[in-house]
Amino acid sequence: MSVSRSGYYKWKYRQDHPTDKMLSRQTDINLIKEIHKKHPSHGYRWINAYARLHYGIVWSDNHVHLCCKYEGIRSNGKHYQWKKPDEEHEKFNNLVWNGWKYLSRPFEVIVSDMTSFWVKNIYYELTLYFDAWNKEIVGYGLASRKGAIHSYYDGLNQVLTRIKKEQTDDLIILHTDQGSVYSSKAYNKLLENYNIERSMSRAGTPTDNPVNESLNGWIKEELIIDFDLKHCEDVPKLIEQYIYYYNNERPAYSLQYKTPIQYKFESGF
């Protein structure tokens, strides 16, 4: 491609004498690169929200997108999206199936599911309990043996402790899949003294629990890419640190890029 002599010298002059706008853009790019290096699984919108939350910098999404494009910054992760549950045609014990977007308060619906991963040839199962309203992790359990059930009970006991502490008398729905632990008499007996109703997804229909379907994917990806889970020496400690980060520092798209705790506080709870 041919370049005129005058065009070349104009470009060279700009390189040697950058404008205030160019200097400002480079400062922004340096911060964006720093955030991306720490959280490579996220894209430009999330980077913008993180900068606003942690640095008090107000950028437009378009500005961050252009900076990322200019510097070749791209998310290293897949993109998980919320999926609208199919219309229910058969009767199942599902109390929530199309009401996820109508939740109005904390502890209205708690959802739970288990996800698994390997670290240095050790198999782990992580059971998470989310408040479906603000996506906060309100309980979790970790097991290093396949089929261990204590992770389910550890997380549930944390949820029940939170309910006691917050002294909520409102009805709570606990929604899970139809797994053997969730459907066992021993598990459900723990709920007898609480104002909790059980709800389950239809068999073989993961979209009946879109909160878990979306968040579990993001969480595993962040743990592996951003927190270097595969090379971790102390998995329980890393999970504990991640739970704190997730609830208090991680801006979420579904919460207008606020953290779960921030969203709860700003909503008056």
Protein backbone atom coordinates (compact mmCIF):
# COMPACT_ATOMS: atom_id res chain seq x y z
CA MET A 1 0.00 0.00 0.00
CA SER A 2 1.49 3.34 -1.06
CA VAL A 3 1.67 6.23 1.41
CA SER A 4 2.29 9.79 0.37
CA ARG A 5 5.38 11.54 1.64
CA SER A 6 3.31 14.20 3.42
CA GLY A 7 1.11 11.52 5.03
CA TYR A 8 4.14 9.65 6.32
CA TYR A 9 5.66 12.75 7.89
CA LYS A 10 2.35 13.69 9.51
CA TRP A 11 2.17 10.21 11.04
CA LYS A 12 5.79 10.41 12.23
CA TYR A 13 5.19 13.84 13.75
CA ARG A 14 2.21 12.50 15.68
CA GLN A 15 4.31 9.64 17.04
CA ASP A 16 6.96 12.08 18.23
CA HIS A 17 4.48 14.71 19.43
CA PRO A 18 1.39 12.86 20.75
CA THR A 19 -1.69 14.94 21.45
CA ASP A 20 -3.36 15.07 24.87
CA LYS A 21 -6.10 12.83 23.45
CA MET A 22 -3.56 10.23 22.36
CA LEU A 23 -1.84 10.30 25.75
CA SER A 24 -5.17 9.95 27.53
CA ARG A 25 -6.14 7.01 25.33
CA GLN A 26 -2.84 5.28 26.03
CA THR A 27 -3.39 5.72 29.78
CA ASP A 28 -6.83 4.13 29.40
CA ILE A 29 -5.38 1.28 27.34
CA ASN A 30 -2.74 0.58 30.00
CA LEU A 31 -5.43 0.23 32.67
CA ILE A 32 -7.62 -1.88 30.39
CA LYS A 33 -4.64 -4.18 29.72
CA GLU A 34 -4.01 -4.43 33.45
CA ILE A 35 -7.63 -5.44 34.14
CA HIS A 36 -7.64 -7.88 31.21
CA LYS A 37 -4.42 -9.51 32.41
CA LYS A 38 -6.01 -10.13 35.80
CA HIS A 39 -9.41 -11.20 34.42
CA PRO A 40 -8.82 -12.52 30.88
CA SER A 41 -12.13 -14.41 30.71
CA HIS A 42 -14.17 -11.19 30.39
CA GLY A 43 -14.96 -8.82 27.54
CA TYR A 44 -14.99 -5.05 27.16
CA ARG A 45 -18.35 -4.37 28.86
CA TRP A 46 -17.29 -6.23 31.98
CA ILE A 47 -13.87 -4.50 31.94
CA ASN A 48 -15.65 -1.15 31.79
CA ALA A 49 -17.90 -2.08 34.73
CA TYR A 50 -14.89 -3.30 36.73
CA ALA A 51 -13.00 -0.04 36.12
CA ARG A 52 -16.02 1.99 37.17
CA LEU A 53 -16.54 -0.10 40.30
CA HIS A 54 -12.93 -0.35 41.48
CA TYR A 55 -11.27 2.76 40.03
CA GLY A 56 -14.16 5.23 39.80
CA ILE A 57 -13.46 5.78 36.09
CA VAL A 58 -16.43 6.49 33.83
CA TRP A 59 -15.92 5.32 30.26
CA SER A 60 -18.46 4.54 27.57
CA ASP A 61 -18.68 0.92 26.43
CA ASN A 62 -17.83 2.10 22.92
CA HIS A 63 -14.60 3.74 24.13
CA VAL A 64 -13.47 0.58 25.91
CA HIS A 65 -14.44 -1.50 22.89
CA LEU A 66 -12.34 0.69 20.59
CA CYS A 67 -9.39 0.56 23.00
CA CYS A 68 -9.63 -3.23 23.16
CA LYS A 69 -9.91 -3.43 19.37
CA TYR A 70 -6.93 -1.11 18.93
CA GLU A 71 -4.81 -3.20 21.31
CA GLY A 72 -6.14 -6.59 20.16
CA ILE A 73 -7.66 -7.41 23.57
CA ARG A 74 -10.25 -10.20 23.45
CA SER A 75 -12.02 -12.33 26.03
CA ASN A 76 -10.41 -15.74 26.46
CA GLY A 77 -13.65 -17.35 27.59
CA LYS A 78 -16.81 -18.63 26.01
CA HIS A 79 -19.99 -16.61 26.24
CA TYR A 80 -22.77 -17.92 28.46
CA GLN A 81 -26.23 -16.52 28.07
CA TRP A 82 -29.37 -16.87 30.06
CA LYS A 83 -31.82 -19.19 28.35
CA LYS A 84 -35.52 -18.73 28.62
CA PRO A 85 -37.12 -21.89 30.00
CA ASP A 86 -39.41 -23.73 27.62
CA GLU A 87 -43.10 -23.53 28.34
CA GLU A 88 -44.11 -26.30 30.71
CA HIS A 89 -46.58 -28.71 29.13
CA GLU A 90 -46.63 -31.37 31.79
CA LYS A 91 -47.21 -31.04 35.50
CA PHE A 92 -44.04 -31.20 37.54
CA ASN A 93 -43.21 -29.96 40.98
CA ASN A 94 -41.65 -26.81 39.54
CA LEU A 95 -42.83 -23.67 41.33
CA VAL A 96 -40.64 -21.18 39.49
CA TRP A 97 -40.33 -22.30 35.87
CA ASN A 98 -41.16 -18.94 34.22
CA GLY A 99 -40.94 -16.52 37.14
CA TRP A 100 -37.21 -15.83 37.37
CA LYS A 101 -37.44 -12.24 36.14
CA TYR A 102 -40.24 -11.37 38.56
CA LEU A 103 -38.28 -11.91 41.77
CA SER A 104 -38.44 -8.90 44.08
CA ARG A 105 -36.52 -9.65 47.29
CA PRO A 106 -33.64 -11.61 48.81
CA PHE A 107 -34.26 -15.24 49.72
CA GLU A 108 -37.37 -15.47 47.59
CA VAL A 109 -35.88 -18.30 45.55
CA ILE A 110 -32.68 -20.20 46.37
CA VAL A 111 -31.26 -22.41 43.64
CA SER A 112 -28.60 -25.07 43.92
CA ASP A 113 -26.56 -27.36 41.74
CA MET A 114 -23.23 -29.17 41.72
CA THR A 115 -20.32 -28.65 39.33
CA SER A 116 -17.10 -30.69 39.14
CA PHE A 117 -13.50 -30.22 38.04
CA TRP A 118 -10.04 -31.82 38.28
CA VAL A 119 -6.98 -30.19 39.85
CA LYS A 120 -3.66 -32.07 39.74
CA ASN A 121 -5.36 -35.44 39.29
CA ILE A 122 -7.74 -34.82 42.19
CA TYR A 123 -11.47 -34.77 41.46
CA TYR A 124 -13.56 -32.06 43.16
CA GLU A 125 -17.28 -31.45 43.42
CA LEU A 126 -18.45 -27.91 44.25
CA THR A 127 -22.05 -27.46 45.34
CA LEU A 128 -23.32 -23.89 45.13
CA TYR A 129 -26.42 -22.23 46.53
CA PHE A 130 -27.46 -18.95 44.86
CA ASP A 131 -30.00 -16.36 45.82
CA ALA A 132 -31.78 -16.15 42.46
CA TRP A 133 -32.76 -12.50 43.09
CA ASN A 134 -29.26 -10.97 43.24
CA LYS A 135 -27.19 -14.02 42.20
CA GLU A 136 -25.33 -13.97 45.53
CA ILE A 137 -23.67 -17.21 46.63
CA VAL A 138 -25.33 -17.83 50.01
CA GLY A 139 -23.86 -21.26 50.65
CA TYR A 140 -21.38 -23.71 49.19
CA GLY A 141 -19.68 -27.01 49.89
CA LEU A 142 -16.58 -28.64 48.44
CA ALA A 143 -15.81 -32.38 48.29
CA SER A 144 -12.72 -34.13 46.94
CA ARG A 145 -14.40 -37.47 46.32
CA LYS A 146 -16.86 -38.38 43.61
CA GLY A 147 -20.36 -38.92 44.91
CA ALA A 148 -19.65 -37.42 48.36
CA ILE A 149 -22.81 -35.88 49.78
CA HIS A 150 -21.40 -33.62 52.48
CA SER A 151 -20.89 -30.72 50.05
CA TYR A 152 -24.67 -30.55 49.55
CA TYR A 153 -25.29 -30.52 53.30
CA ASP A 154 -22.48 -28.05 54.05
CA GLY A 155 -23.96 -25.55 51.62
CA LEU A 156 -27.52 -26.11 52.83
CA ASN A 157 -26.52 -25.59 56.46
CA GLN A 158 -24.93 -22.26 55.51
CA VAL A 159 -28.19 -21.22 53.82
CA LEU A 160 -30.25 -22.22 56.86
CA THR A 161 -27.87 -20.31 59.14
CA ARG A 162 -28.35 -17.21 56.97
CA ILE A 163 -32.11 -17.60 57.19
CA LYS A 164 -31.93 -17.76 61.00
CA LYS A 165 -29.58 -14.79 61.16
CA GLU A 166 -31.72 -12.59 58.93
CA GLN A 167 -34.90 -13.75 60.69
CA THR A 168 -36.93 -13.81 57.52
CA ASP A 169 -40.48 -15.16 57.88
CA ASP A 170 -41.31 -14.90 54.17
CA LEU A 171 -41.82 -18.03 52.13
CA ILE A 172 -38.63 -19.31 50.52
CA ILE A 173 -38.53 -21.62 47.51
CA LEU A 174 -35.55 -23.96 47.23
CA HIS A 175 -35.21 -25.02 43.61
CA THR A 176 -32.92 -27.84 42.48
CA ASP A 177 -32.72 -30.65 39.95
CA GLN A 178 -34.03 -34.13 40.69
CA GLY A 179 -30.68 -35.51 41.86
CA SER A 180 -30.56 -38.27 44.45
CA VAL A 181 -29.29 -36.04 47.27
CA TYR A 182 -31.76 -33.22 46.65
CA SER A 183 -34.65 -35.70 46.57
CA SER A 184 -33.58 -37.75 49.59
CA LYS A 185 -35.65 -37.82 52.78
CA ALA A 186 -32.63 -36.93 54.93
CA TYR A 187 -31.90 -33.79 52.91
CA ASN A 188 -35.48 -32.54 52.93
CA LYS A 189 -35.99 -33.37 56.60
CA LEU A 190 -33.58 -30.53 57.43
CA LEU A 191 -36.12 -28.07 56.00
CA GLU A 192 -39.03 -29.10 58.22
CA ASN A 193 -38.68 -26.23 60.70
CA TYR A 194 -38.33 -23.54 58.03
CA ASN A 195 -40.84 -21.78 55.82
CA ILE A 196 -39.31 -23.41 52.75
CA GLU A 197 -41.11 -25.02 49.83
CA ARG A 198 -39.27 -27.39 47.53
CA SER A 199 -39.23 -27.02 43.78
CA MET A 200 -37.53 -29.17 41.17
CA SER A 201 -36.65 -28.88 37.51
CA ARG A 202 -38.19 -31.35 35.10
CA ALA A 203 -36.05 -34.39 34.43
CA GLY A 204 -33.50 -33.75 31.70
CA THR A 205 -34.44 -30.06 31.42
CA PRO A 206 -31.53 -27.92 32.67
CA THR A 207 -33.17 -24.76 31.30
CA ASP A 208 -35.66 -25.05 34.15
CA ASN A 209 -32.82 -23.71 36.30
CA PRO A 210 -31.29 -20.94 34.15
CA VAL A 211 -29.58 -19.23 37.09
CA ASN A 212 -27.31 -22.21 37.71
CA GLU A 213 -26.90 -22.99 34.03
CA SER A 214 -25.52 -19.51 33.39
CA LEU A 215 -23.49 -18.92 36.54
CA ASN A 216 -21.88 -22.34 36.85
CA GLY A 217 -20.33 -21.92 33.42
CA TRP A 218 -18.99 -18.46 34.20
CA ILE A 219 -17.67 -19.51 37.59
CA LYS A 220 -15.73 -22.51 36.31
CA GLU A 221 -14.28 -20.42 33.53
CA GLU A 222 -13.19 -17.65 35.89
CA LEU A 223 -11.67 -20.13 38.33
CA ILE A 224 -9.67 -21.81 35.57
CA ILE A 225 -8.67 -18.75 33.51
CA ASP A 226 -8.54 -15.86 35.99
CA PHE A 227 -7.68 -17.70 39.22
CA ASP A 228 -5.42 -20.38 37.69
CA LEU A 229 -7.35 -23.18 39.39
CA LYS A 230 -5.52 -25.95 37.54
CA HIS A 231 -2.22 -25.06 39.22
CA CYS A 232 -3.63 -24.28 42.65
CA GLU A 233 -1.88 -25.70 45.73
CA ASP A 234 -4.78 -25.10 48.14
CA VAL A 235 -8.14 -25.58 46.39
CA PRO A 236 -10.40 -25.06 49.46
CA LYS A 237 -8.68 -21.74 50.23
CA LEU A 238 -8.93 -20.62 46.60
CA ILE A 239 -12.66 -21.45 46.52
CA GLU A 240 -13.18 -19.47 49.73
CA GLN A 241 -11.33 -16.48 48.25
CA TYR A 242 -13.31 -16.75 45.03
CA ILE A 243 -16.66 -16.80 46.86
CA TYR A 244 -15.74 -13.52 48.58
CA TYR A 245 -14.58 -12.02 45.28
CA TYR A 246 -17.74 -13.18 43.50
CA ASN A 247 -20.10 -11.67 46.08
CA ASN A 248 -18.22 -8.45 46.85
CA GLU A 249 -15.98 -7.50 43.93
CA ARG A 250 -17.27 -9.09 40.73
CA PRO A 251 -19.67 -6.86 38.71
CA ALA A 252 -22.46 -8.86 37.08
CA TYR A 253 -24.17 -8.05 33.78
CA SER A 254 -27.56 -9.22 35.06
CA LEU A 255 -27.28 -6.74 37.97
CA GLN A 256 -26.47 -3.72 35.78
CA TYR A 257 -22.78 -4.44 36.44
CA LYS A 258 -23.10 -4.21 40.21
CA THR A 259 -21.82 -6.84 42.60
CA PRO A 260 -24.42 -9.03 44.37
CA ILE A 261 -23.76 -7.33 47.73
CA GLN A 262 -23.79 -3.85 46.18
CA TYR A 263 -27.05 -4.58 44.35
CA LYS A 264 -28.65 -5.84 47.56
CA PHE A 265 -27.50 -2.79 49.55
CA GLU A 266 -28.59 -0.28 46.91
CA SER A 267 -31.97 -2.00 46.70
CA GLY A 268 -32.57 -1.22 50.38
CA PHE A 269 -31.99 -4.68 51.88
